[in-house]
N, C-alpha and C. Protein backbone atom coordinates (compact mmCIF):
# COMPACT_ATOMS: atom_id res chain seq x y z
N UNK A 1 0.87 -1.12 -0.01
CA UNK A 1 0.02 -0.10 0.10
C UNK A 1 0.96 1.22 0.11
N UNK A 2 0.65 2.23 -0.93
CA UNK A 2 1.50 3.37 -0.98
C UNK A 2 1.30 4.29 0.27
N UNK A 3 2.19 4.93 0.60
CA UNK A 3 1.91 6.05 1.80
C UNK A 3 2.03 7.46 1.04
N UNK A 4 1.08 8.12 1.67
CA UNK A 4 1.05 9.53 1.25
C UNK A 4 1.98 10.50 2.19
N UNK A 5 2.48 11.39 1.46
CA UNK A 5 3.22 12.27 2.17
C UNK A 5 2.47 13.38 2.63
N UNK A 6 2.56 13.96 3.94
CA UNK A 6 1.82 15.23 4.27
C UNK A 6 2.76 16.52 4.24
N UNK A 7 2.10 17.35 3.62
CA UNK A 7 3.04 18.63 3.52
C UNK A 7 2.53 19.61 4.52
N UNK A 8 3.58 20.18 5.28
CA UNK A 8 3.22 21.22 6.24
C UNK A 8 3.66 22.52 5.75
N UNK A 9 2.73 23.33 5.80
CA UNK A 9 3.04 24.73 5.08
C UNK A 9 3.18 25.58 6.48
N UNK A 10 4.23 26.23 6.62
CA UNK A 10 4.58 27.16 7.87
C UNK A 10 4.06 28.53 7.42
N UNK A 11 3.50 29.36 8.36
CA UNK A 11 2.86 30.42 8.23
C UNK A 11 4.03 31.65 8.68
N UNK A 12 4.27 32.57 7.75
CA UNK A 12 5.19 33.52 8.22
C UNK A 12 4.31 34.54 9.24
N UNK A 13 4.91 34.58 10.39
CA UNK A 13 4.28 35.35 11.48
C UNK A 13 4.12 36.83 11.05
N UNK A 14 5.07 37.35 10.36
CA UNK A 14 4.86 38.78 9.79
C UNK A 14 3.64 39.07 9.00
N UNK A 15 3.01 37.97 8.44
CA UNK A 15 1.80 38.01 7.63
C UNK A 15 0.43 38.25 8.48
N UNK A 16 0.58 37.68 9.77
CA UNK A 16 -0.59 37.62 10.63
C UNK A 16 -0.87 39.06 11.08
N UNK A 17 -2.10 39.12 11.12
CA UNK A 17 -2.52 40.50 11.64
C UNK A 17 -3.43 40.39 12.98
N UNK A 18 -2.65 40.41 13.86
CA UNK A 18 -3.37 40.34 15.24
C UNK A 18 -3.70 41.77 15.84
N UNK A 19 -4.91 41.81 16.30
CA UNK A 19 -5.21 43.08 17.00
C UNK A 19 -4.68 43.16 18.40
N UNK A 20 -4.86 44.25 19.00
CA UNK A 20 -4.28 44.41 20.32
C UNK A 20 -5.11 43.44 21.37
N UNK A 21 -6.24 43.29 21.27
CA UNK A 21 -6.99 42.35 22.20
C UNK A 21 -6.49 40.90 21.92
N UNK A 22 -6.16 40.49 20.62
CA UNK A 22 -5.78 39.08 20.51
C UNK A 22 -4.45 38.91 21.05
N UNK A 23 -3.48 39.88 20.89
CA UNK A 23 -2.09 39.86 21.34
C UNK A 23 -2.33 39.85 23.10
N UNK A 24 -3.16 40.73 23.56
CA UNK A 24 -3.28 40.90 25.02
C UNK A 24 -3.73 39.42 25.55
N UNK A 25 -4.77 38.75 24.88
CA UNK A 25 -5.06 37.37 25.41
C UNK A 25 -3.98 36.38 25.27
N UNK A 26 -3.18 36.45 24.22
CA UNK A 26 -1.88 35.40 24.15
C UNK A 26 -0.98 35.76 25.37
N UNK A 27 -0.85 37.23 25.63
CA UNK A 27 0.16 37.55 26.85
C UNK A 27 -0.53 37.18 28.17
N UNK A 28 -1.93 37.13 28.17
CA UNK A 28 -2.57 36.82 29.43
C UNK A 28 -2.70 35.25 29.60
N UNK A 29 -2.83 34.58 28.63
CA UNK A 29 -2.71 33.22 28.70
C UNK A 29 -1.35 32.69 29.09
N UNK A 30 -0.32 33.16 28.48
CA UNK A 30 1.22 32.71 28.75
C UNK A 30 1.42 33.17 30.24
N UNK A 31 0.91 34.51 30.50
CA UNK A 31 1.35 34.82 32.05
C UNK A 31 0.53 34.19 33.02
N UNK A 32 -0.65 33.74 32.68
CA UNK A 32 -1.33 32.83 33.64
C UNK A 32 -0.57 31.46 33.98
N UNK A 33 -0.37 30.90 32.78
CA UNK A 33 0.53 29.65 32.76
C UNK A 33 1.85 29.85 33.68
N UNK A 34 2.57 31.04 33.40
CA UNK A 34 3.62 31.13 34.14
C UNK A 34 3.46 31.35 35.71
N UNK A 35 2.49 32.07 36.06
CA UNK A 35 2.08 32.27 37.32
C UNK A 35 1.64 30.93 38.19
N UNK A 36 1.02 29.87 37.40
CA UNK A 36 0.64 28.65 37.95
C UNK A 36 2.04 27.79 38.00
N UNK A 37 3.01 28.03 37.14
CA UNK A 37 4.31 27.24 37.30
C UNK A 37 5.25 28.10 38.19
N UNK A 38 4.87 29.19 38.82
CA UNK A 38 5.75 29.78 39.84
C UNK A 38 6.69 30.64 39.29
N UNK A 39 6.62 31.05 38.01
CA UNK A 39 7.66 31.93 37.38
C UNK A 39 7.05 33.29 37.40
N UNK A 40 7.20 33.96 38.53
CA UNK A 40 6.56 35.17 38.76
C UNK A 40 7.30 36.28 37.80
N UNK A 41 8.50 36.34 37.58
CA UNK A 41 8.90 37.19 36.58
C UNK A 41 8.40 37.21 35.18
N UNK A 42 8.18 36.03 34.62
CA UNK A 42 7.62 35.70 33.27
C UNK A 42 6.04 36.20 33.45
N UNK A 43 5.51 35.71 34.43
CA UNK A 43 4.13 36.12 34.64
C UNK A 43 3.87 37.55 34.75
N UNK A 44 4.69 38.20 35.50
CA UNK A 44 4.74 39.83 35.53
C UNK A 44 4.85 40.48 34.26
N UNK A 45 5.74 40.07 33.55
CA UNK A 45 6.18 40.78 32.21
C UNK A 45 4.90 40.32 31.34
N UNK A 46 4.27 39.17 31.20
CA UNK A 46 3.28 38.89 30.25
C UNK A 46 1.96 39.44 30.60
N UNK A 47 1.58 39.59 32.01
CA UNK A 47 0.20 40.24 32.39
C UNK A 47 0.53 41.66 32.51
N UNK A 48 1.67 42.32 32.63
CA UNK A 48 1.73 43.67 32.52
C UNK A 48 1.47 44.06 31.06
N UNK A 49 1.91 43.25 30.04
CA UNK A 49 1.78 43.47 28.69
C UNK A 49 0.28 43.32 28.27
N UNK A 50 -0.39 42.34 28.74
CA UNK A 50 -1.74 42.06 28.58
C UNK A 50 -2.56 43.32 28.87
N UNK A 51 -2.30 43.72 30.00
CA UNK A 51 -3.09 44.95 30.71
C UNK A 51 -2.86 46.08 30.03
N UNK A 52 -1.52 46.43 29.44
CA UNK A 52 -1.31 47.38 28.43
C UNK A 52 -2.07 47.59 27.23
N UNK A 53 -2.09 46.22 26.61
CA UNK A 53 -2.82 46.23 25.44
C UNK A 53 -4.16 46.25 25.45
N UNK A 54 -4.77 45.83 26.67
CA UNK A 54 -6.21 45.61 26.66
C UNK A 54 -6.67 45.63 28.24
N UNK A 55 -6.74 46.89 28.60
CA UNK A 55 -7.08 47.09 30.06
C UNK A 55 -8.23 46.80 30.49
N UNK A 56 -8.48 45.25 30.65
CA UNK A 56 -9.89 44.79 31.13
C UNK A 56 -9.68 44.49 32.70
N UNK A 57 -10.86 44.24 33.18
CA UNK A 57 -10.90 43.89 34.60
C UNK A 57 -10.14 42.39 34.81
N UNK A 58 -10.37 41.59 33.87
CA UNK A 58 -9.58 40.25 33.78
C UNK A 58 -8.21 40.41 33.88
N UNK A 59 -7.60 41.22 33.00
CA UNK A 59 -6.19 41.33 32.99
C UNK A 59 -5.79 42.01 34.26
N UNK A 60 -6.41 43.20 34.82
CA UNK A 60 -6.09 43.75 36.10
C UNK A 60 -6.17 42.79 37.25
N UNK A 61 -7.05 41.90 37.16
CA UNK A 61 -7.16 40.75 38.34
C UNK A 61 -6.07 39.90 38.29
N UNK A 62 -5.72 39.39 37.06
CA UNK A 62 -4.65 38.45 36.80
C UNK A 62 -3.17 39.17 37.17
N UNK A 63 -2.94 40.32 36.86
CA UNK A 63 -1.83 41.14 37.34
C UNK A 63 -1.69 41.13 38.73
N UNK A 64 -2.80 41.56 39.35
CA UNK A 64 -3.04 41.68 41.03
C UNK A 64 -2.53 40.38 41.54
N UNK A 65 -2.98 39.16 40.92
CA UNK A 65 -2.43 37.96 41.67
C UNK A 65 -1.02 37.67 41.61
N UNK A 66 -0.32 38.29 40.63
CA UNK A 66 1.24 38.16 40.62
C UNK A 66 1.57 39.03 41.73
N UNK A 67 1.17 40.27 41.75
CA UNK A 67 1.71 41.31 42.98
C UNK A 67 1.48 40.72 44.21
N UNK A 68 0.21 40.09 44.38
CA UNK A 68 -0.17 39.34 45.70
C UNK A 68 0.91 38.31 45.94
N UNK A 69 1.20 37.52 44.95
CA UNK A 69 2.23 36.50 45.10
C UNK A 69 3.73 36.91 45.49
N UNK A 70 4.00 38.11 45.09
CA UNK A 70 5.29 38.89 45.21
C UNK A 70 5.24 39.55 46.76
N UNK A 71 3.90 39.50 47.35
CA UNK A 71 3.75 40.15 48.74
C UNK A 71 3.72 41.55 48.58
N UNK A 72 3.28 42.25 47.41
CA UNK A 72 3.21 43.43 47.23
C UNK A 72 1.60 43.86 47.22
N UNK A 73 1.11 43.70 48.58
CA UNK A 73 -0.35 43.79 48.79
C UNK A 73 -0.79 45.15 48.43
N UNK A 74 -0.11 46.38 48.73
CA UNK A 74 -0.49 47.59 48.41
C UNK A 74 -0.80 47.74 46.86
N UNK A 75 0.07 47.25 45.95
CA UNK A 75 -0.19 47.38 44.45
C UNK A 75 -1.25 46.32 44.10
N UNK A 76 -1.12 45.35 44.57
CA UNK A 76 -2.18 44.26 44.29
C UNK A 76 -3.62 44.98 44.50
N UNK A 77 -3.74 45.40 45.69
CA UNK A 77 -5.04 46.05 46.16
C UNK A 77 -5.50 47.17 45.24
N UNK A 78 -4.54 48.01 44.82
CA UNK A 78 -4.75 49.10 43.69
C UNK A 78 -5.57 48.34 42.38
N UNK A 79 -4.84 47.39 41.91
CA UNK A 79 -5.39 46.65 40.69
C UNK A 79 -6.48 45.97 40.90
N UNK A 80 -6.81 45.38 42.07
CA UNK A 80 -8.07 44.63 42.42
C UNK A 80 -9.21 45.77 42.52
N UNK A 81 -8.89 46.93 43.24
CA UNK A 81 -10.07 47.89 43.11
C UNK A 81 -10.28 48.23 41.75
N UNK A 82 -9.24 48.52 40.97
CA UNK A 82 -9.57 48.86 39.37
C UNK A 82 -10.43 47.74 38.83
N UNK A 83 -10.08 46.51 39.12
CA UNK A 83 -10.89 45.51 38.58
C UNK A 83 -12.30 45.50 38.73
N UNK A 84 -12.56 45.58 40.02
CA UNK A 84 -13.89 45.88 40.76
C UNK A 84 -14.64 47.10 39.99
N UNK A 85 -13.83 48.25 39.76
CA UNK A 85 -14.48 49.27 39.23
C UNK A 85 -14.94 49.03 37.70
N UNK A 86 -14.32 48.26 36.99
CA UNK A 86 -14.39 47.93 35.61
C UNK A 86 -15.59 47.08 35.47
N UNK A 87 -15.52 45.98 36.53
CA UNK A 87 -16.64 44.99 36.53
C UNK A 87 -17.18 44.81 37.89
N UNK A 88 -18.05 45.61 38.15
CA UNK A 88 -18.60 45.57 39.65
C UNK A 88 -19.48 44.41 40.12
N UNK A 89 -19.82 43.80 38.99
CA UNK A 89 -20.73 42.55 39.20
C UNK A 89 -19.98 41.16 39.22
N UNK A 90 -18.45 41.29 39.32
CA UNK A 90 -17.57 40.07 39.44
C UNK A 90 -17.32 39.76 40.82
N UNK A 91 -17.99 38.79 41.30
CA UNK A 91 -17.69 38.30 42.61
C UNK A 91 -16.42 37.91 43.06
N UNK A 92 -15.61 37.23 42.18
CA UNK A 92 -14.27 36.77 42.45
C UNK A 92 -13.40 38.04 42.53
N UNK A 93 -13.34 39.11 41.66
CA UNK A 93 -12.64 40.24 41.83
C UNK A 93 -13.02 40.83 43.15
N UNK A 94 -14.33 41.09 43.59
CA UNK A 94 -14.73 41.53 44.79
C UNK A 94 -14.03 40.88 45.94
N UNK A 95 -14.21 39.68 45.86
CA UNK A 95 -13.57 38.75 46.95
C UNK A 95 -11.95 38.88 47.18
N UNK A 96 -11.46 38.89 46.06
CA UNK A 96 -9.85 39.07 46.04
C UNK A 96 -9.56 40.40 46.66
N UNK A 97 -10.33 41.48 46.44
CA UNK A 97 -10.27 42.81 46.84
C UNK A 97 -10.36 42.74 48.42
N UNK A 98 -11.47 42.16 48.83
CA UNK A 98 -11.74 41.97 50.38
C UNK A 98 -10.52 41.24 51.05
N UNK A 99 -10.02 40.22 50.48
CA UNK A 99 -8.71 39.47 51.04
C UNK A 99 -7.62 40.53 51.16
N UNK A 100 -7.29 41.33 50.16
CA UNK A 100 -6.08 42.19 50.17
C UNK A 100 -6.41 43.34 51.37
N UNK A 101 -7.55 43.83 51.19
CA UNK A 101 -8.02 44.87 52.17
C UNK A 101 -7.96 44.38 53.60
N UNK A 102 -8.10 43.17 53.78
CA UNK A 102 -8.05 42.50 54.99
C UNK A 102 -6.72 42.45 55.46
N UNK A 103 -5.84 42.03 54.43
CA UNK A 103 -4.44 41.81 54.84
C UNK A 103 -3.86 43.32 55.15
N UNK A 104 -4.26 44.30 54.59
CA UNK A 104 -3.58 45.64 54.97
C UNK A 104 -4.32 46.11 56.13
N UNK A 105 -5.27 45.48 56.97
CA UNK A 105 -5.88 45.93 58.02
C UNK A 105 -7.00 46.96 57.93
N UNK A 106 -7.60 46.81 56.71
CA UNK A 106 -8.69 47.63 56.32
C UNK A 106 -9.98 46.74 56.54
N UNK A 107 -10.29 46.46 57.53
CA UNK A 107 -11.27 45.51 57.77
C UNK A 107 -12.68 45.85 57.31
N UNK A 108 -13.09 47.21 57.78
CA UNK A 108 -14.51 47.54 57.34
C UNK A 108 -14.51 47.69 55.78
N UNK A 109 -13.69 48.09 55.20
CA UNK A 109 -13.77 48.03 53.63
C UNK A 109 -13.74 46.58 53.12
N UNK A 110 -12.95 45.63 53.61
CA UNK A 110 -12.92 44.30 53.25
C UNK A 110 -14.45 43.60 53.46
N UNK A 111 -14.98 43.93 54.58
CA UNK A 111 -16.54 43.56 54.89
C UNK A 111 -17.47 43.96 53.78
N UNK A 112 -17.28 45.22 53.39
CA UNK A 112 -18.21 45.70 52.45
C UNK A 112 -18.12 44.85 51.02
N UNK A 113 -16.73 44.73 50.68
CA UNK A 113 -16.70 43.87 49.44
C UNK A 113 -17.04 42.53 49.63
N UNK A 114 -16.70 41.76 50.69
CA UNK A 114 -17.11 40.50 50.99
C UNK A 114 -18.65 40.21 50.95
N UNK A 115 -19.26 41.25 51.53
CA UNK A 115 -20.76 41.02 51.71
C UNK A 115 -21.22 41.32 50.28
N UNK A 116 -20.68 42.12 49.55
CA UNK A 116 -21.26 42.36 48.02
C UNK A 116 -20.92 41.19 47.24
N UNK A 117 -19.82 40.47 47.51
CA UNK A 117 -19.50 39.22 46.74
C UNK A 117 -20.54 38.33 47.06
N UNK A 118 -21.00 38.16 48.26
CA UNK A 118 -21.93 37.14 48.75
C UNK A 118 -23.28 37.58 48.01
N UNK A 119 -23.62 38.98 48.06
CA UNK A 119 -25.07 39.39 47.43
C UNK A 119 -24.92 38.82 45.99
N UNK A 120 -23.68 38.98 45.46
CA UNK A 120 -23.59 38.73 43.99
C UNK A 120 -23.90 37.18 43.45
N UNK A 121 -23.54 36.44 44.53
CA UNK A 121 -23.43 35.00 44.09
C UNK A 121 -23.81 34.33 45.38
N UNK A 122 -25.38 34.61 45.85
CA UNK A 122 -26.05 34.15 47.04
C UNK A 122 -26.10 32.53 46.96
N UNK A 123 -26.10 31.76 45.93
CA UNK A 123 -26.12 30.37 45.91
C UNK A 123 -24.72 29.69 46.09
N UNK A 124 -23.66 30.53 46.02
CA UNK A 124 -22.34 30.05 46.11
C UNK A 124 -21.77 29.93 47.57
N UNK A 125 -21.90 28.69 47.94
CA UNK A 125 -21.60 28.43 49.46
C UNK A 125 -19.97 28.88 49.65
N UNK A 126 -19.24 28.93 48.78
CA UNK A 126 -17.88 29.38 48.99
C UNK A 126 -17.72 30.73 49.47
N UNK A 127 -18.46 31.49 48.84
CA UNK A 127 -18.29 32.92 49.36
C UNK A 127 -18.66 33.14 50.71
N UNK A 128 -19.84 32.66 51.27
CA UNK A 128 -20.10 32.63 52.65
C UNK A 128 -18.96 31.89 53.46
N UNK A 129 -18.48 30.76 53.01
CA UNK A 129 -17.38 30.09 53.86
C UNK A 129 -16.05 30.74 53.96
N UNK A 130 -15.82 31.59 52.67
CA UNK A 130 -14.69 32.47 52.85
C UNK A 130 -14.84 33.52 53.81
N UNK A 131 -15.91 34.16 53.81
CA UNK A 131 -16.39 35.25 54.68
C UNK A 131 -16.24 34.89 56.17
N UNK A 132 -16.77 33.81 56.34
CA UNK A 132 -16.65 33.21 57.70
C UNK A 132 -15.19 33.07 58.09
N UNK A 133 -14.58 32.21 57.28
CA UNK A 133 -12.96 31.97 57.58
C UNK A 133 -12.15 33.29 57.71
N UNK A 134 -12.27 34.20 57.06
CA UNK A 134 -11.50 35.27 56.85
C UNK A 134 -11.87 36.26 57.79
N UNK A 135 -13.25 36.59 57.91
CA UNK A 135 -13.68 37.80 58.55
C UNK A 135 -14.53 37.41 59.85
N UNK A 136 -14.45 36.07 60.13
CA UNK A 136 -15.10 35.85 61.38
C UNK A 136 -16.78 35.76 61.17
N UNK A 137 -17.12 35.73 60.04
CA UNK A 137 -18.62 35.62 59.76
C UNK A 137 -19.45 36.92 59.87
N UNK A 138 -18.80 38.02 59.91
CA UNK A 138 -19.39 39.33 60.29
C UNK A 138 -19.98 39.67 58.88
């Protein structure tokens, strides 16, 4: 039986026309993988680039995770607050903001965001469990 050869055609990357949002998505994906792998320098580089190309709540939230991992809670809190401003109905962004605020000793502000996260996802038992664990159920 004769075999058939498969031809692979490589694409010249200079001919591809990616817009800023697509490039940001690629950087965000690569940065998120680096963060999960513990490569904070690579994660910081890619997520900073993603945020610059497409300043969305998701990209701000992801970059804040890197800053939090680096123990730069002030900078992480600023980005988390920005993410909440951009997407006020995102319970996860609100919850992460609450955690950072609590770490900074800003308990009352943390409670506001933790309660709002709970209101946004009332059927999610993890929101309430987090609130009890972190804030003593207030």
